[in-house]
Amino acid sequence: MNCIIVDDDATARLVIKQLCKQTELLVQEEFSSAIDAIKYLNSNTVEVVFLDIHMPTFSGFDFIKTLKTSPKIILTTSDKEFALEAFEYDSVVDYLLKPIKLNRFLKSIEKLSKIKNKTNKENLKTENQDYIFVNVDKRLIKINIPEILLIEAKGDYINIKTEKKNFIVHSTLKKVDEKLPSNTFMRIHRSYIINTDKIIDIEDNSVLIQKHVIPISRSHKSALIEKLNLL
């Protein structure tokens, strides 16, 4: 994985560079200014950003809010007080307190590796498969994935709602989610997975798909908005 370091403290940047040498991370660039880092990201692909929260004129949080498409971010700071706010951003993977110790740094890199491996698996799964089979009353029934509108959890069962019919299946949302392409299907609530291609509109904390109004949980809303093709 490649990375950049954004910190106005030269010593802090040097420490992170030395820590990166203990891993497979490749430091592409380092910046003392968040604004300079944003300019770099506008024309370069970066997988990870080590980001200081406290920087003059433009803080680490300002930096995150400015990015349209954000790489994975590991925040570095001397303050514990911002940890809760930090994890409100989907792109934030970890929160490292200075001075950063090697064993704690390696745990962050382990988190990054797990996220990358999961993403790679999701990109590979069912990309070329446009159907699934479900067991309904001891019959295996073929469902065309593009026809699925949403899946709703109902106790030990799930209700797969398609354009033509509903199917009650003894399964879980987690299991069916593993079978669906992540580019079009997304869990937006503990009880719902939706086909984002079928969204008609979004209002407040709900999504309209055909005549179905589906709630969006607060923890999933920002990820859904980020996934949509907004003007």
Protein backbone atom coordinates (compact mmCIF):
# COMPACT_ATOMS: atom_id res chain seq x y z
CA MET A 1 0.00 0.00 0.00
CA ASN A 2 1.13 3.53 -0.66
CA CYS A 3 0.62 6.48 1.68
CA ILE A 4 1.28 10.13 2.36
CA ILE A 5 1.99 11.88 5.66
CA VAL A 6 0.32 15.19 6.53
CA ASP A 7 1.68 16.86 9.65
CA ASP A 8 3.08 20.34 10.28
CA ASP A 9 5.68 18.87 12.67
CA ALA A 10 8.79 17.66 10.82
CA THR A 11 9.80 15.36 13.69
CA ALA A 12 6.37 13.71 13.70
CA ARG A 13 6.63 13.11 9.95
CA LEU A 14 10.06 11.55 10.39
CA VAL A 15 8.77 9.20 13.11
CA ILE A 16 5.94 7.96 10.88
CA LYS A 17 8.33 7.51 7.94
CA GLN A 18 10.58 5.36 10.12
CA LEU A 19 7.61 3.33 11.35
CA CYS A 20 6.43 2.78 7.78
CA LYS A 21 9.79 1.24 6.96
CA GLN A 22 8.92 -1.53 9.43
CA THR A 23 5.95 -2.45 7.22
CA GLU A 24 5.07 -2.80 3.54
CA LEU A 25 3.77 0.77 3.39
CA LEU A 26 5.44 2.97 0.78
CA VAL A 27 5.57 6.68 1.63
CA GLN A 28 4.95 8.59 -1.60
CA GLU A 29 5.08 12.12 -0.21
CA GLU A 30 4.95 14.11 3.01
CA PHE A 31 3.32 17.50 3.60
CA SER A 32 3.44 20.12 6.30
CA SER A 33 0.26 21.70 4.94
CA ALA A 34 -3.16 20.05 4.56
CA ILE A 35 -3.92 22.30 1.59
CA ASP A 36 -0.80 21.10 -0.26
CA ALA A 37 -1.82 17.51 0.46
CA ILE A 38 -5.29 18.11 -1.00
CA LYS A 39 -3.74 19.49 -4.20
CA TYR A 40 -1.60 16.37 -4.43
CA LEU A 41 -4.59 14.06 -3.96
CA ASN A 42 -6.47 15.82 -6.73
CA SER A 43 -4.02 14.38 -9.26
CA ASN A 44 -2.56 11.32 -7.50
CA THR A 45 -3.97 8.06 -6.17
CA VAL A 46 -3.18 7.34 -2.53
CA GLU A 47 -4.44 4.44 -0.43
CA VAL A 48 -3.61 5.71 3.06
CA VAL A 49 -3.14 9.12 4.70
CA PHE A 50 -1.48 9.63 8.07
CA LEU A 51 -3.14 12.85 9.17
CA ASP A 52 -2.43 15.16 12.07
CA ILE A 53 -5.55 16.79 13.53
CA HIS A 54 -3.93 20.00 14.74
CA MET A 55 -2.49 22.06 11.89
CA PRO A 56 -2.49 25.81 11.37
CA THR A 57 -5.34 27.38 9.33
CA PHE A 58 -6.68 23.99 8.09
CA SER A 59 -7.24 21.16 10.56
CA GLY A 60 -7.26 17.44 9.92
CA PHE A 61 -11.06 17.38 10.15
CA ASP A 62 -11.28 20.24 7.62
CA PHE A 63 -9.07 18.12 5.37
CA ILE A 64 -11.40 15.11 5.59
CA LYS A 65 -14.51 17.22 4.91
CA THR A 66 -12.91 18.71 1.81
CA LEU A 67 -12.14 15.40 0.10
CA LYS A 68 -14.72 14.15 -2.40
CA THR A 69 -13.27 10.65 -2.51
CA SER A 70 -11.26 9.84 0.54
CA PRO A 71 -8.47 7.28 0.98
CA LYS A 72 -8.24 5.43 4.27
CA ILE A 73 -7.13 7.77 7.03
CA ILE A 74 -5.18 7.14 10.21
CA LEU A 75 -5.36 10.17 12.48
CA THR A 76 -2.30 11.10 14.53
CA THR A 77 -2.62 13.46 17.48
CA SER A 78 -1.57 14.20 21.04
CA ASP A 79 -5.17 14.68 22.18
CA LYS A 80 -7.54 11.90 23.27
CA GLU A 81 -10.58 14.19 23.23
CA PHE A 82 -11.28 13.98 19.49
CA ALA A 83 -11.49 10.17 19.25
CA LEU A 84 -15.30 10.06 19.32
CA GLU A 85 -15.63 12.70 16.60
CA ALA A 86 -12.95 11.02 14.49
CA PHE A 87 -14.86 7.79 14.01
CA GLU A 88 -17.92 9.64 12.70
CA TYR A 89 -16.02 9.73 9.40
CA ASP A 90 -16.24 6.49 7.39
CA SER A 91 -12.73 6.97 6.00
CA VAL A 92 -11.06 6.99 9.44
CA VAL A 93 -9.51 3.60 10.19
CA ASP A 94 -7.65 4.36 13.40
CA TYR A 95 -6.66 7.04 15.91
CA LEU A 96 -3.02 7.03 17.02
CA LEU A 97 -1.87 9.00 20.03
CA LYS A 98 1.57 10.61 19.93
CA PRO A 99 4.21 9.53 20.72
CA ILE A 100 3.36 6.60 18.47
CA LYS A 101 4.77 3.23 19.54
CA LEU A 102 5.72 0.55 17.02
CA ASN A 103 3.37 -2.16 18.39
CA ARG A 104 0.39 0.24 18.26
CA PHE A 105 1.38 1.37 14.76
CA LEU A 106 1.51 -2.24 13.56
CA LYS A 107 -2.02 -2.82 14.84
CA SER A 108 -3.19 0.03 12.62
CA ILE A 109 -1.49 -1.50 9.61
CA GLU A 110 -3.14 -4.82 10.43
CA LYS A 111 -6.53 -3.06 10.36
CA LEU A 112 -5.69 -1.57 6.97
CA SER A 113 -4.69 -4.96 5.59
CA LYS A 114 -7.95 -6.55 6.75
CA ILE A 115 -9.98 -3.77 5.13
CA LYS A 116 -8.03 -4.09 1.89
CA ASN A 117 -8.45 -7.88 1.81
CA LYS A 118 -12.18 -7.56 2.45
CA THR A 119 -12.51 -4.99 -0.33
CA ASN A 120 -10.61 -7.20 -2.76
CA LYS A 121 -12.90 -10.15 -1.96
CA GLU A 122 -15.98 -7.98 -2.43
CA ASN A 123 -14.70 -6.78 -5.79
CA LEU A 124 -14.24 -10.36 -6.91
CA LYS A 125 -17.49 -11.82 -5.64
CA THR A 126 -20.44 -12.23 -7.96
CA GLU A 127 -19.31 -9.49 -10.36
CA ASN A 128 -20.18 -11.63 -13.37
CA GLN A 129 -23.00 -13.58 -11.75
CA ASP A 130 -26.49 -12.18 -12.26
CA TYR A 131 -28.53 -14.72 -10.30
CA ILE A 132 -28.76 -16.62 -7.04
CA PHE A 133 -30.64 -19.75 -6.00
CA VAL A 134 -32.74 -19.79 -2.82
CA ASN A 135 -34.34 -22.68 -0.96
CA VAL A 136 -38.10 -22.18 -0.68
CA ASP A 137 -40.24 -25.08 0.57
CA LYS A 138 -37.53 -27.59 -0.38
CA ARG A 139 -37.33 -26.17 -3.90
CA LEU A 140 -34.30 -24.32 -5.30
CA ILE A 141 -35.61 -21.21 -7.02
CA LYS A 142 -33.56 -19.01 -9.28
CA ILE A 143 -33.75 -15.25 -8.66
CA ASN A 144 -32.27 -12.76 -11.10
CA ILE A 145 -30.17 -10.38 -9.02
CA PRO A 146 -30.99 -7.22 -11.06
CA GLU A 147 -34.70 -7.82 -10.31
CA ILE A 148 -34.21 -7.71 -6.53
CA LEU A 149 -35.57 -4.53 -4.98
CA LEU A 150 -34.70 -5.11 -1.34
CA ILE A 151 -34.23 -7.78 1.32
CA GLU A 152 -35.89 -7.47 4.72
CA ALA A 153 -34.96 -9.42 7.85
CA LYS A 154 -37.88 -11.10 9.62
CA GLY A 155 -36.67 -13.08 12.63
CA ASP A 156 -35.00 -16.27 11.39
CA TYR A 157 -36.12 -15.53 7.83
CA ILE A 158 -35.55 -12.95 5.13
CA ASN A 159 -38.06 -11.56 2.65
CA ILE A 160 -36.50 -11.07 -0.77
CA LYS A 161 -38.69 -8.62 -2.64
CA THR A 162 -38.28 -8.60 -6.42
CA GLU A 163 -40.04 -6.72 -9.21
CA LYS A 164 -42.47 -9.64 -9.70
CA LYS A 165 -42.63 -11.66 -6.49
CA ASN A 166 -41.57 -12.02 -2.86
CA PHE A 167 -39.61 -14.98 -1.50
CA ILE A 168 -39.51 -15.94 2.19
CA VAL A 169 -36.21 -17.73 2.84
CA HIS A 170 -34.76 -19.25 6.01
CA SER A 171 -31.51 -17.26 6.11
CA THR A 172 -29.88 -14.08 7.44
CA LEU A 173 -29.11 -10.68 5.94
CA LYS A 174 -25.41 -11.30 6.51
CA LYS A 175 -25.48 -14.51 4.49
CA VAL A 176 -27.39 -13.06 1.55
CA ASP A 177 -25.23 -9.93 1.58
CA GLU A 178 -22.19 -12.11 0.93
CA LYS A 179 -23.84 -13.35 -2.27
CA LEU A 180 -24.81 -9.97 -3.71
CA PRO A 181 -22.60 -7.56 -5.70
CA SER A 182 -21.43 -4.75 -3.43
CA ASN A 183 -21.49 -2.19 -6.23
CA THR A 184 -25.31 -2.21 -6.33
CA PHE A 185 -26.45 -3.70 -3.01
CA MET A 186 -26.00 -2.07 0.36
CA ARG A 187 -27.17 -2.60 3.92
CA ILE A 188 -28.81 0.64 5.08
CA HIS A 189 -30.42 -0.63 8.28
CA ARG A 190 -30.03 -3.61 10.60
CA SER A 191 -33.16 -5.06 8.95
CA TYR A 192 -32.72 -4.01 5.31
CA ILE A 193 -30.48 -4.44 2.29
CA ILE A 194 -31.45 -2.46 -0.80
CA ASN A 195 -30.62 -2.41 -4.49
CA THR A 196 -29.30 1.14 -4.90
CA ASP A 197 -30.14 1.06 -8.61
CA LYS A 198 -33.83 0.89 -7.67
CA ILE A 199 -33.88 4.01 -5.48
CA ILE A 200 -36.51 6.54 -6.57
CA ASP A 201 -35.75 9.17 -3.96
CA ILE A 202 -34.32 9.75 -0.50
CA GLU A 203 -36.04 11.95 2.03
CA ASP A 204 -34.84 12.56 5.57
CA ASN A 205 -34.06 9.09 6.96
CA SER A 206 -35.89 6.92 4.44
CA VAL A 207 -35.51 5.57 0.91
CA LEU A 208 -38.31 5.01 -1.60
CA ILE A 209 -38.07 1.92 -3.84
CA GLN A 210 -41.22 1.41 -5.91
CA LYS A 211 -43.90 1.81 -3.21
CA HIS A 212 -41.65 0.60 -0.38
CA VAL A 213 -40.44 3.15 2.17
CA ILE A 214 -37.30 1.80 3.83
CA PRO A 215 -35.67 3.40 6.89
CA ILE A 216 -32.01 4.42 6.82
CA SER A 217 -30.11 4.09 10.08
CA ARG A 218 -27.94 7.01 11.11
CA SER A 219 -24.79 4.88 11.00
CA HIS A 220 -25.39 3.90 7.35
CA LYS A 221 -26.69 7.16 5.87
CA SER A 222 -23.35 8.84 5.16
CA ALA A 223 -22.05 5.69 3.42
CA LEU A 224 -25.19 5.57 1.25
CA ILE A 225 -24.87 9.22 0.25
CA GLU A 226 -21.20 8.68 -0.58
CA LYS A 227 -22.12 5.71 -2.77
CA LEU A 228 -24.66 7.63 -4.85
CA ASN A 229 -23.75 9.42 -8.07
CA LEU A 230 -24.49 12.97 -6.89
CA LEU A 231 -24.13 16.05 -9.05
